[in-house]
Amino acid sequence: MKKTGINLLFLIIFTIFGFQCTLFERTETEVSFWDNPVQLDLDEIIKRGYIRAVVDNSSTSYYIYRGRRMGYEFEMLKSLASSLGVRLHLIVKSDIEEAFYLLNKGKADIVAMNLAVNEDRKKFASFTAPIGSMGTVLVQKDGPSKVKDPKDLNGKVVYIQKDAIFKSQLCSLQNDLGITLSVLEEKGSSDFLVNKVNKGEIEFTVVDKVVAMVNETYYNDLDIDVEISSKADVAWAIRKNAPNLENEVNQWIEKKNKSGYIRTLYAKYFQNSKNHYFRANSSFSSLGGNKISQYDDLIKKGAENLGWDWRMLASLVYKESGFDTTATSYAGATGLLQLMPVTLERFGVENPNDPVQSLMGGVNYLKYLDKFWKEKVPESNERIKFILSSYNVGHGHVLDAWNLTLKYGGNNKSWKNVAHYLTLKSDPQYYKDPVVRSGYAKGHLAVSYVEDILTLYDSYRVLIEP
């Protein structure tokens, strides 16, 4: 056999059987970026106005339910961001090594993936105070031939999430019990691997016990009784050279532990399994059915008319009404897209509580705003921000900010520049400026409105298929 043929055969065998634990396999590979993290601490995060966190797209960490962002890590991170006075930007990854890479390169500030704390990982990042403790279990199909003791894994193949702590746990188990097993790493999430066990595509996986317990509510014939590792502390990872952020997060954790917040949130996602089952398996869940709302088909038709990604229009509808056709604001706006009486009349909407009329009336208004801004802001990704802000505060106020930007030497085709002057429209120096026609406005609310929709759109874009 030729040498290339031997190499190919070895590759095929390794791909099928994974690796067997050896001293070499238990040694972490040193990578240069671990040792030279970007300098970025709390002051810089607060100054820029947002914090970035890596989370896993899973049934417990982060998902969409009826248009709303949910998840154990998501709710904690949202609370943390609020306490810091910044916005939350989420990055969804299943690959733990990639998450550490993003952290040390300054593209993320926290890795919130329920990481077990061990000495090897401390080389790569600092860790917060524990936010809980989790053990790990074997997940397999129930039945007479199931494994009942870890030693029965001798000669078996176990699939795990790539770069997870489960690898070293299985290596320790092999050495302690004197057995031989093969471990195959996959890039998918723990939920993904549990689903493969359920479908019979793989025989075994190892996951956190609480994740196994949640998944057991979805699938009736799983066995999760074999313990691989007892409970260990789990925490979030932070760059080593961000001590101020680490201290701030630790103070937040201490405060939330004392208040019972973390305990209550844990119960919501891990102990109230019936409610969690319905959320995760709903057709209106990013985990269960890839639908955002019952009006998705209508929204898609409207978005096609606009030339938008339908998930952007869905983000606007959720922000306006939460998909409630009967929603009415204090100012008198009604329906899915919260149209004011003058707008209803202008675009021929007779019944604002009718979802078709409300949505198509809103779409026609958005088309009008697009036409208004098209020559002034030719770039479509920038223009949509002008359209959204105009939808919220009125295009006259946004035009004032556009003119102020031009007057004071800024780039009035850039939303970032125009947003700055829109926030200044509550200041007499600016709303009484000769170029201003629409007067006073709480422009900062319109800027936040745009940010909220774009943040939600980012979540829909990552978690909901086109």
Foldseek 3Di string as FASTA:
>chain_A
DDPVVVVVVVVVVCQVQPDWDDPVVVDDDDDVLLVQFDQDALVNCVVVFEAEEEEEPDLAAWWAFLLDIDHLVVVVVCVLSVVSRGYYFYDYFQAVVVRLVCQRHVVHFKYDYQAFDDPNCVSRFDWADFLDKWFKFKKFFDDDPDDDEVQVQAAHEEEEAHPHPVVVLVNVVCVVNVGIGTYHHDRHHPLVVNVCRLVVVGGIYMDTPLSVQLVCVVGPGMDGPYTSGDMGTTTMTGHHNHVVRSVSVNVVSVVCVVVCNSVVSCCVRRVVSVVSNCRQCPLCMLNHNLRNHPCLVLLVVLCVVVVHDSLLSVLQLCLQASQQQQDADPQGFGGSNRDHPVLCVVQVQPRSSPNNSVSNSVSVLLSVQCVVCCVVQVDVVQSVLLSQLCSPWNNLLLVLLLVVCVVVPHDSNHPVSSLVSLCCQQPCVRQVDPSRDPHHDNSPVSVVRSVSSVSSSVSSPVRHPD
